[in-house]
Amino acid sequence: MHFKCLPAVLLIILSALTPTAMGLASDADQPIHIEGDDAQIDQNNETIVYTGSVEIIQGTLRVKGDKVVVKVNDDKVEKITTVGSPAQYQQELEDNRGEVQARADAIVYHMAAERIYLNGSATLMQSGNELQGESIRYDIVKGQVDASAGSGGGRVRMQFDPSSRSKSDP
């Protein structure tokens, strides 16, 4: 491959991993169901801590982990922090564009801003494409991804399936 083509190739790969479609808008209007083995509610700090095989479901959104901390502000869920081995996230996208899946040691989901931070052995997958790094920041609304190898000497890795471009396009 010629190095002059590299920016164009990277743009194509990133556009395949960062869809212009967001998670289903109807998911935000659905009730949030949370299950775990134990729950501790701290009304003063507006937090709920769930432990033991925790699962969160809201429409097509699914989050799983060993421990989940739910931060509430003005009776609305503001942030969900999930820790697991690994913690997992998945959600269907608008316009039948498939599903986004993520895994990491910790996943922080900022609900209102629709941003997901994956920390520790992070992986983001969509339509046969995969991005790996020590940390990944995914802005669902803007369709932007920022991946970092961290300071451990690792690298950011991407696997791109060229046939996925036609699968996810209408």
N, C-alpha and C. Protein backbone atom coordinates (compact mmCIF):
# COMPACT_ATOMS: atom_id res chain seq x y z
N MET A 1 0.84 -1.17 0.00
CA MET A 1 0.00 0.00 0.00
C MET A 1 0.89 1.23 0.00
N HIS A 2 0.51 2.23 -0.78
CA HIS A 2 1.25 3.47 -0.82
C HIS A 2 0.88 4.32 0.39
N PHE A 3 1.87 5.01 0.98
CA PHE A 3 1.60 5.82 2.15
C PHE A 3 0.70 7.00 1.83
N LYS A 4 0.65 7.44 0.57
CA LYS A 4 -0.25 8.54 0.19
C LYS A 4 -1.71 8.11 0.34
N CYS A 5 -1.99 6.83 0.23
CA CYS A 5 -3.36 6.31 0.34
C CYS A 5 -3.78 6.07 1.79
N LEU A 6 -2.82 6.07 2.71
CA LEU A 6 -3.10 5.72 4.09
C LEU A 6 -4.20 6.59 4.72
N PRO A 7 -4.19 7.92 4.60
CA PRO A 7 -5.27 8.71 5.20
C PRO A 7 -6.65 8.33 4.67
N ALA A 8 -6.77 8.05 3.39
CA ALA A 8 -8.06 7.67 2.82
C ALA A 8 -8.51 6.31 3.36
N VAL A 9 -7.59 5.38 3.48
CA VAL A 9 -7.92 4.06 4.00
C VAL A 9 -8.36 4.17 5.47
N LEU A 10 -7.64 4.95 6.27
CA LEU A 10 -8.02 5.13 7.67
C LEU A 10 -9.39 5.78 7.79
N LEU A 11 -9.70 6.72 6.93
CA LEU A 11 -11.00 7.37 6.95
C LEU A 11 -12.12 6.36 6.66
N ILE A 12 -11.90 5.48 5.70
CA ILE A 12 -12.90 4.46 5.37
C ILE A 12 -13.09 3.51 6.55
N ILE A 13 -11.99 3.08 7.17
CA ILE A 13 -12.07 2.16 8.30
C ILE A 13 -12.81 2.82 9.46
N LEU A 14 -12.45 4.05 9.80
CA LEU A 14 -13.11 4.72 10.92
C LEU A 14 -14.58 4.98 10.64
N SER A 15 -14.93 5.27 9.41
CA SER A 15 -16.34 5.50 9.10
C SER A 15 -17.14 4.22 9.24
N ALA A 16 -16.50 3.08 9.02
CA ALA A 16 -17.20 1.80 9.19
C ALA A 16 -17.42 1.51 10.67
N LEU A 17 -16.51 1.96 11.53
CA LEU A 17 -16.65 1.72 12.97
C LEU A 17 -17.46 2.79 13.67
N THR A 18 -17.64 3.95 13.07
CA THR A 18 -18.38 5.03 13.71
C THR A 18 -19.58 5.38 12.85
N PRO A 19 -20.67 4.70 13.06
CA PRO A 19 -21.82 4.91 12.20
C PRO A 19 -22.42 6.28 12.40
N THR A 20 -23.04 6.80 11.34
CA THR A 20 -23.76 8.06 11.48
C THR A 20 -25.06 7.82 12.20
N ALA A 21 -25.51 6.57 12.21
CA ALA A 21 -26.72 6.22 12.94
C ALA A 21 -26.38 6.02 14.41
N MET A 22 -27.30 6.40 15.27
CA MET A 22 -27.10 6.22 16.70
C MET A 22 -27.85 4.98 17.16
N GLY A 23 -27.71 4.71 18.47
CA GLY A 23 -28.52 3.67 19.07
C GLY A 23 -29.98 4.05 18.89
N LEU A 24 -30.85 3.09 18.97
CA LEU A 24 -32.26 3.35 18.76
C LEU A 24 -32.76 4.47 19.68
N ALA A 25 -33.34 5.50 19.09
CA ALA A 25 -33.84 6.64 19.86
C ALA A 25 -34.93 6.18 20.83
N SER A 26 -35.69 5.18 20.44
CA SER A 26 -36.77 4.69 21.29
C SER A 26 -36.24 4.05 22.58
N ASP A 27 -34.97 3.63 22.60
CA ASP A 27 -34.40 3.03 23.81
C ASP A 27 -34.46 4.00 24.99
N ALA A 28 -34.20 5.27 24.74
CA ALA A 28 -34.16 6.26 25.82
C ALA A 28 -35.52 6.43 26.49
N ASP A 29 -36.60 6.11 25.78
CA ASP A 29 -37.94 6.24 26.33
C ASP A 29 -38.40 4.99 27.09
N GLN A 30 -37.61 3.94 27.03
CA GLN A 30 -37.97 2.68 27.68
C GLN A 30 -37.55 2.69 29.14
N PRO A 31 -38.25 1.92 29.97
CA PRO A 31 -37.81 1.82 31.37
C PRO A 31 -36.48 1.09 31.47
N ILE A 32 -35.72 1.40 32.50
CA ILE A 32 -34.44 0.75 32.74
C ILE A 32 -34.67 -0.37 33.76
N HIS A 33 -34.29 -1.59 33.39
CA HIS A 33 -34.41 -2.74 34.29
C HIS A 33 -33.00 -3.14 34.72
N ILE A 34 -32.79 -3.23 36.03
CA ILE A 34 -31.48 -3.61 36.56
C ILE A 34 -31.67 -4.79 37.51
N GLU A 35 -30.86 -5.82 37.32
CA GLU A 35 -30.89 -6.98 38.19
C GLU A 35 -29.48 -7.33 38.63
N GLY A 36 -29.36 -7.76 39.87
CA GLY A 36 -28.09 -8.22 40.40
C GLY A 36 -28.35 -9.05 41.63
N ASP A 37 -27.30 -9.63 42.18
CA ASP A 37 -27.46 -10.44 43.39
C ASP A 37 -27.72 -9.56 44.62
N ASP A 38 -27.11 -8.38 44.66
CA ASP A 38 -27.27 -7.46 45.78
C ASP A 38 -27.36 -6.02 45.28
N ALA A 39 -28.03 -5.17 46.06
CA ALA A 39 -28.12 -3.75 45.73
C ALA A 39 -28.01 -2.94 47.02
N GLN A 40 -27.23 -1.85 46.95
CA GLN A 40 -27.11 -0.92 48.07
C GLN A 40 -27.48 0.46 47.56
N ILE A 41 -28.44 1.08 48.22
CA ILE A 41 -28.92 2.40 47.81
C ILE A 41 -28.40 3.45 48.78
N ASP A 42 -27.76 4.49 48.24
CA ASP A 42 -27.26 5.62 49.04
C ASP A 42 -28.03 6.85 48.59
N GLN A 43 -29.11 7.18 49.30
CA GLN A 43 -29.96 8.29 48.90
C GLN A 43 -29.25 9.64 48.99
N ASN A 44 -28.35 9.80 49.97
CA ASN A 44 -27.64 11.07 50.13
C ASN A 44 -26.74 11.36 48.94
N ASN A 45 -26.07 10.33 48.42
CA ASN A 45 -25.17 10.51 47.26
C ASN A 45 -25.85 10.18 45.94
N GLU A 46 -27.12 9.82 45.99
CA GLU A 46 -27.90 9.47 44.80
C GLU A 46 -27.21 8.40 43.95
N THR A 47 -26.77 7.34 44.61
CA THR A 47 -26.14 6.23 43.91
C THR A 47 -26.77 4.91 44.34
N ILE A 48 -26.72 3.96 43.42
CA ILE A 48 -27.14 2.60 43.69
C ILE A 48 -26.00 1.70 43.21
N VAL A 49 -25.55 0.79 44.07
CA VAL A 49 -24.48 -0.13 43.72
C VAL A 49 -25.06 -1.54 43.67
N TYR A 50 -24.96 -2.15 42.51
CA TYR A 50 -25.40 -3.53 42.31
C TYR A 50 -24.15 -4.41 42.18
N THR A 51 -24.21 -5.59 42.77
CA THR A 51 -23.10 -6.54 42.63
C THR A 51 -23.64 -7.92 42.30
N GLY A 52 -22.79 -8.73 41.68
CA GLY A 52 -23.12 -10.11 41.39
C GLY A 52 -23.93 -10.31 40.12
N SER A 53 -23.26 -10.60 39.02
CA SER A 53 -23.93 -10.89 37.74
C SER A 53 -25.00 -9.86 37.41
N VAL A 54 -24.60 -8.61 37.34
CA VAL A 54 -25.54 -7.52 37.12
C VAL A 54 -25.87 -7.42 35.63
N GLU A 55 -27.15 -7.17 35.34
CA GLU A 55 -27.59 -6.97 33.96
C GLU A 55 -28.54 -5.78 33.92
N ILE A 56 -28.29 -4.90 32.95
CA ILE A 56 -29.13 -3.72 32.73
C ILE A 56 -29.74 -3.87 31.34
N ILE A 57 -31.05 -3.63 31.26
CA ILE A 57 -31.75 -3.68 29.98
C ILE A 57 -32.59 -2.42 29.85
N GLN A 58 -32.46 -1.75 28.71
CA GLN A 58 -33.31 -0.60 28.38
C GLN A 58 -33.56 -0.66 26.88
N GLY A 59 -34.70 -1.15 26.47
CA GLY A 59 -34.97 -1.34 25.04
C GLY A 59 -33.98 -2.34 24.48
N THR A 60 -33.20 -1.94 23.47
CA THR A 60 -32.20 -2.84 22.88
C THR A 60 -30.85 -2.75 23.57
N LEU A 61 -30.71 -1.81 24.50
CA LEU A 61 -29.46 -1.63 25.25
C LEU A 61 -29.31 -2.74 26.28
N ARG A 62 -28.12 -3.36 26.30
CA ARG A 62 -27.80 -4.40 27.28
C ARG A 62 -26.42 -4.09 27.86
N VAL A 63 -26.31 -4.07 29.19
CA VAL A 63 -25.04 -3.88 29.87
C VAL A 63 -24.93 -4.99 30.91
N LYS A 64 -23.77 -5.64 30.96
CA LYS A 64 -23.54 -6.72 31.92
C LYS A 64 -22.21 -6.51 32.61
N GLY A 65 -22.15 -6.88 33.89
CA GLY A 65 -20.90 -6.78 34.63
C GLY A 65 -21.00 -7.43 35.99
N ASP A 66 -19.88 -7.43 36.69
CA ASP A 66 -19.83 -7.99 38.04
C ASP A 66 -20.33 -6.98 39.07
N LYS A 67 -20.10 -5.68 38.78
CA LYS A 67 -20.51 -4.61 39.68
C LYS A 67 -20.94 -3.42 38.83
N VAL A 68 -22.05 -2.79 39.23
CA VAL A 68 -22.56 -1.62 38.51
C VAL A 68 -22.87 -0.53 39.53
N VAL A 69 -22.41 0.68 39.24
CA VAL A 69 -22.74 1.85 40.05
C VAL A 69 -23.60 2.77 39.19
N VAL A 70 -24.81 3.03 39.66
CA VAL A 70 -25.75 3.90 38.94
C VAL A 70 -25.79 5.23 39.68
N LYS A 71 -25.46 6.30 38.96
CA LYS A 71 -25.50 7.66 39.52
C LYS A 71 -26.77 8.33 39.01
N VAL A 72 -27.58 8.81 39.95
CA VAL A 72 -28.85 9.45 39.63
C VAL A 72 -28.74 10.93 39.94
N ASN A 73 -29.35 11.78 39.10
CA ASN A 73 -29.38 13.21 39.33
C ASN A 73 -30.76 13.71 38.93
N ASP A 74 -31.46 14.36 39.83
CA ASP A 74 -32.83 14.85 39.58
C ASP A 74 -33.74 13.73 39.08
N ASP A 75 -33.67 12.59 39.73
CA ASP A 75 -34.50 11.42 39.41
C ASP A 75 -34.28 10.86 38.01
N LYS A 76 -33.15 11.16 37.41
CA LYS A 76 -32.79 10.60 36.10
C LYS A 76 -31.43 9.91 36.22
N VAL A 77 -31.28 8.79 35.52
CA VAL A 77 -30.00 8.11 35.51
C VAL A 77 -29.02 8.96 34.71
N GLU A 78 -27.95 9.37 35.36
CA GLU A 78 -26.95 10.24 34.74
C GLU A 78 -25.78 9.42 34.17
N LYS A 79 -25.34 8.43 34.95
CA LYS A 79 -24.15 7.69 34.56
C LYS A 79 -24.24 6.27 35.12
N ILE A 80 -23.79 5.32 34.29
CA ILE A 80 -23.70 3.93 34.72
C ILE A 80 -22.26 3.49 34.56
N THR A 81 -21.64 3.04 35.65
CA THR A 81 -20.27 2.53 35.61
C THR A 81 -20.33 1.04 35.88
N THR A 82 -19.80 0.25 34.94
CA THR A 82 -19.85 -1.20 35.02
C THR A 82 -18.43 -1.75 35.05
N VAL A 83 -18.18 -2.66 35.99
CA VAL A 83 -16.88 -3.32 36.10
C VAL A 83 -17.13 -4.82 35.95
N GLY A 84 -16.26 -5.49 35.21
CA GLY A 84 -16.46 -6.92 35.02
C GLY A 84 -15.22 -7.59 34.46
N SER A 85 -15.39 -8.86 34.17
CA SER A 85 -14.28 -9.59 33.58
C SER A 85 -14.72 -10.33 32.33
N PRO A 86 -15.02 -9.68 31.26
CA PRO A 86 -15.09 -8.21 31.13
C PRO A 86 -16.50 -7.68 31.34
N ALA A 87 -16.62 -6.36 31.48
CA ALA A 87 -17.91 -5.69 31.42
C ALA A 87 -18.32 -5.67 29.94
N GLN A 88 -19.62 -5.71 29.67
CA GLN A 88 -20.09 -5.80 28.28
C GLN A 88 -21.21 -4.80 28.02
N TYR A 89 -21.24 -4.28 26.80
CA TYR A 89 -22.26 -3.34 26.34
C TYR A 89 -22.68 -3.76 24.94
N GLN A 90 -23.97 -3.66 24.65
CA GLN A 90 -24.44 -3.86 23.28
C GLN A 90 -25.71 -3.06 23.06
N GLN A 91 -25.91 -2.59 21.83
CA GLN A 91 -27.10 -1.83 21.49
C GLN A 91 -27.32 -1.86 19.99
N GLU A 92 -28.59 -1.99 19.60
CA GLU A 92 -28.93 -1.93 18.18
C GLU A 92 -28.84 -0.48 17.71
N LEU A 93 -28.51 -0.31 16.42
CA LEU A 93 -28.39 1.01 15.83
C LEU A 93 -29.63 1.35 15.02
N GLU A 94 -29.83 2.64 14.81
CA GLU A 94 -30.93 3.11 13.97
C GLU A 94 -30.75 2.61 12.53
N ASP A 95 -31.82 2.66 11.78
CA ASP A 95 -31.81 2.37 10.33
C ASP A 95 -31.27 0.98 10.02
N ASN A 96 -31.55 0.00 10.87
CA ASN A 96 -31.13 -1.39 10.63
C ASN A 96 -29.65 -1.51 10.30
N ARG A 97 -28.82 -0.76 11.00
CA ARG A 97 -27.37 -0.79 10.76
C ARG A 97 -26.65 -1.77 11.67
N GLY A 98 -27.39 -2.70 12.22
CA GLY A 98 -26.75 -3.72 13.03
C GLY A 98 -26.67 -3.33 14.49
N GLU A 99 -25.62 -3.81 15.11
CA GLU A 99 -25.47 -3.68 16.56
C GLU A 99 -24.03 -3.28 16.89
N VAL A 100 -23.88 -2.45 17.90
CA VAL A 100 -22.57 -2.12 18.44
C VAL A 100 -22.37 -2.97 19.69
N GLN A 101 -21.20 -3.56 19.81
CA GLN A 101 -20.85 -4.33 21.00
C GLN A 101 -19.53 -3.81 21.54
N ALA A 102 -19.40 -3.83 22.85
CA ALA A 102 -18.16 -3.37 23.49
C ALA A 102 -17.86 -4.25 24.69
N ARG A 103 -16.55 -4.39 24.96
CA ARG A 103 -16.06 -5.11 26.14
C ARG A 103 -14.89 -4.32 26.71
N ALA A 104 -14.76 -4.36 28.03
CA ALA A 104 -13.62 -3.72 28.70
C ALA A 104 -13.65 -4.14 30.16
N ASP A 105 -12.57 -3.84 30.87
CA ASP A 105 -12.55 -4.08 32.31
C ASP A 105 -13.57 -3.19 33.01
N ALA A 106 -13.73 -1.96 32.50
CA ALA A 106 -14.71 -1.02 33.04
C ALA A 106 -15.35 -0.25 31.90
N ILE A 107 -16.65 -0.06 31.98
CA ILE A 107 -17.40 0.71 30.98
C ILE A 107 -18.16 1.80 31.72
N VAL A 108 -17.97 3.04 31.30
CA VAL A 108 -18.70 4.17 31.87
C VAL A 108 -19.60 4.71 30.77
N TYR A 109 -20.91 4.70 31.03
CA TYR A 109 -21.89 5.15 30.04
C TYR A 109 -22.55 6.42 30.58
N HIS A 110 -22.29 7.55 29.91
CA HIS A 110 -22.92 8.82 30.26
C HIS A 110 -24.22 8.89 29.46
N MET A 111 -25.32 8.65 30.13
CA MET A 111 -26.61 8.46 29.46
C MET A 111 -27.06 9.67 28.63
N ALA A 112 -27.15 10.84 29.23
CA ALA A 112 -27.67 12.01 28.53
C ALA A 112 -26.78 12.42 27.36
N ALA A 113 -25.47 12.36 27.56
CA ALA A 113 -24.53 12.75 26.51
C ALA A 113 -24.32 11.65 25.47
N GLU A 114 -24.79 10.44 25.78
CA GLU A 114 -24.61 9.28 24.92
C GLU A 114 -23.14 9.08 24.55
N ARG A 115 -22.32 9.00 25.61
CA ARG A 115 -20.89 8.72 25.45
C ARG A 115 -20.54 7.49 26.27
N ILE A 116 -19.67 6.65 25.70
CA ILE A 116 -19.23 5.45 26.39
C ILE A 116 -17.72 5.49 26.48
N TYR A 117 -17.20 5.27 27.68
CA TYR A 117 -15.76 5.18 27.89
C TYR A 117 -15.44 3.74 28.27
N LEU A 118 -14.57 3.12 27.50
CA LEU A 118 -14.12 1.75 27.75
C LEU A 118 -12.70 1.82 28.28
N ASN A 119 -12.47 1.25 29.45
CA ASN A 119 -11.14 1.33 30.07
C ASN A 119 -10.63 -0.06 30.43
N GLY A 120 -9.41 -0.37 29.99
CA GLY A 120 -8.77 -1.65 30.30
C GLY A 120 -9.17 -2.74 29.32
N SER A 121 -8.24 -3.14 28.48
CA SER A 121 -8.48 -4.20 27.48
C SER A 121 -9.78 -3.94 26.72
N ALA A 122 -9.91 -2.76 26.15
CA ALA A 122 -11.14 -2.31 25.50
C ALA A 122 -11.26 -2.82 24.07
N THR A 123 -12.49 -3.21 23.71
CA THR A 123 -12.80 -3.66 22.35
C THR A 123 -14.14 -3.07 21.95
N LEU A 124 -14.21 -2.51 20.74
CA LEU A 124 -15.45 -1.98 20.16
C LEU A 124 -15.66 -2.69 18.84
N MET A 125 -16.86 -3.28 18.64
CA MET A 125 -17.13 -4.06 17.44
C MET A 125 -18.44 -3.62 16.79
N GLN A 126 -18.41 -3.62 15.45
CA GLN A 126 -19.63 -3.36 14.68
C GLN A 126 -19.44 -3.91 13.28
N SER A 127 -20.41 -4.67 12.81
CA SER A 127 -20.47 -5.17 11.43
C SER A 127 -19.18 -5.86 11.00
N GLY A 128 -18.60 -6.68 11.84
CA GLY A 128 -17.39 -7.41 11.48
C GLY A 128 -16.11 -6.61 11.64
N ASN A 129 -16.22 -5.35 12.02
CA ASN A 129 -15.05 -4.50 12.26
C ASN A 129 -14.79 -4.45 13.75
N GLU A 130 -13.50 -4.36 14.11
CA GLU A 130 -13.15 -4.40 15.52
C GLU A 130 -12.00 -3.43 15.80
N LEU A 131 -12.13 -2.69 16.90
CA LEU A 131 -11.09 -1.76 17.34
C LEU A 131 -10.72 -2.15 18.76
N GLN A 132 -9.40 -2.28 19.02
CA GLN A 132 -8.91 -2.66 20.34
C GLN A 132 -7.86 -1.68 20.82
N GLY A 133 -7.87 -1.42 22.11
CA GLY A 133 -6.87 -0.56 22.73
C GLY A 133 -7.00 -0.67 24.24
N GLU A 134 -6.17 0.02 24.95
CA GLU A 134 -6.28 0.02 26.41
C GLU A 134 -7.51 0.82 26.83
N SER A 135 -7.81 1.88 26.07
CA SER A 135 -9.02 2.66 26.35
C SER A 135 -9.62 3.15 25.03
N ILE A 136 -10.94 3.24 25.02
CA ILE A 136 -11.67 3.73 23.85
C ILE A 136 -12.77 4.65 24.34
N ARG A 137 -12.88 5.80 23.71
CA ARG A 137 -13.98 6.74 23.98
C ARG A 137 -14.85 6.78 22.74
N TYR A 138 -16.14 6.52 22.94
CA TYR A 138 -17.08 6.43 21.82
C TYR A 138 -18.20 7.43 22.04
N ASP A 139 -18.28 8.45 21.20
CA ASP A 139 -19.35 9.44 21.24
C ASP A 139 -20.40 8.97 20.24
N ILE A 140 -21.49 8.43 20.75
CA ILE A 140 -22.52 7.83 19.89
C ILE A 140 -23.17 8.88 19.02
N VAL A 141 -23.48 10.05 19.56
CA VAL A 141 -24.17 11.11 18.83
C VAL A 141 -23.32 11.63 17.67
N LYS A 142 -22.05 11.93 17.95
CA LYS A 142 -21.18 12.47 16.91
C LYS A 142 -20.58 11.39 16.03
N GLY A 143 -20.68 10.12 16.45
CA GLY A 143 -20.09 9.04 15.67
C GLY A 143 -18.57 9.13 15.66
N GLN A 144 -17.99 9.49 16.82
CA GLN A 144 -16.54 9.65 16.91
C GLN A 144 -15.95 8.65 17.90
N VAL A 145 -14.80 8.11 17.54
CA VAL A 145 -14.10 7.15 18.39
C VAL A 145 -12.67 7.63 18.58
N ASP A 146 -12.19 7.54 19.83
CA ASP A 146 -10.81 7.88 20.16
C ASP A 146 -10.25 6.69 20.93
N ALA A 147 -9.22 6.05 20.40
CA ALA A 147 -8.63 4.87 21.05
C ALA A 147 -7.19 5.18 21.44
N SER A 148 -6.78 4.60 22.58
CA SER A 148 -5.43 4.82 23.09
C SER A 148 -4.82 3.49 23.51
N ALA A 149 -3.52 3.35 23.26
CA ALA A 149 -2.80 2.14 23.68
C ALA A 149 -2.40 2.23 25.15
N GLY A 150 -2.47 3.41 25.74
CA GLY A 150 -2.07 3.59 27.13
C GLY A 150 -0.57 3.64 27.27
N SER A 151 -0.09 3.56 28.50
CA SER A 151 1.34 3.68 28.75
C SER A 151 2.04 2.34 28.89
N GLY A 152 1.32 1.24 28.71
CA GLY A 152 1.89 -0.09 28.91
C GLY A 152 2.67 -0.63 27.73
N GLY A 153 2.88 0.17 26.71
CA GLY A 153 3.66 -0.27 25.56
C GLY A 153 2.86 -1.05 24.52
N GLY A 154 1.55 -1.18 24.74
CA GLY A 154 0.70 -1.87 23.76
C GLY A 154 0.44 -0.99 22.55
N ARG A 155 -0.44 -1.43 21.72
CA ARG A 155 -0.77 -0.67 20.51
C ARG A 155 -2.28 -0.71 20.30
N VAL A 156 -2.79 0.25 19.55
CA VAL A 156 -4.19 0.24 19.14
C VAL A 156 -4.27 -0.63 17.90
N ARG A 157 -5.23 -1.55 17.89
CA ARG A 157 -5.36 -2.48 16.77
C ARG A 157 -6.75 -2.36 16.17
N MET A 158 -6.80 -2.52 14.85
CA MET A 158 -8.07 -2.48 14.16
C MET A 158 -8.13 -3.63 13.16
N GLN A 159 -9.27 -4.26 13.11
CA GLN A 159 -9.54 -5.26 12.09
C GLN A 159 -10.70 -4.74 11.26
N PHE A 160 -10.50 -4.61 9.99
CA PHE A 160 -11.50 -4.05 9.10
C PHE A 160 -11.94 -5.11 8.11
N ASP A 161 -13.23 -5.33 8.04
CA ASP A 161 -13.82 -6.27 7.08
C ASP A 161 -14.37 -5.45 5.92
N PRO A 162 -13.68 -5.45 4.77
CA PRO A 162 -14.13 -4.61 3.65
C PRO A 162 -15.55 -4.93 3.21
N SER A 163 -15.99 -6.16 3.38
CA SER A 163 -17.35 -6.50 2.95
C SER A 163 -18.39 -5.92 3.90
N SER A 164 -17.99 -5.46 5.07
CA SER A 164 -18.95 -4.90 6.03
C SER A 164 -19.49 -3.56 5.55
N ARG A 165 -18.77 -2.87 4.73
CA ARG A 165 -19.21 -1.57 4.23
C ARG A 165 -20.54 -1.72 3.50
N SER A 166 -20.66 -2.73 2.66
CA SER A 166 -21.90 -2.92 1.91
C SER A 166 -23.00 -3.51 2.79
N LYS A 167 -22.63 -4.27 3.85
CA LYS A 167 -23.62 -4.87 4.74
C LYS A 167 -24.34 -3.81 5.57
N SER A 168 -23.59 -2.79 6.03
CA SER A 168 -24.19 -1.81 6.93
C SER A 168 -24.80 -0.63 6.19
N ASP A 169 -24.51 -0.47 4.93
CA ASP A 169 -25.09 0.63 4.17
C ASP A 169 -26.46 0.22 3.66
N PRO A 170 -27.42 1.18 3.68
CA PRO A 170 -28.77 0.84 3.20
C PRO A 170 -28.79 0.57 1.71
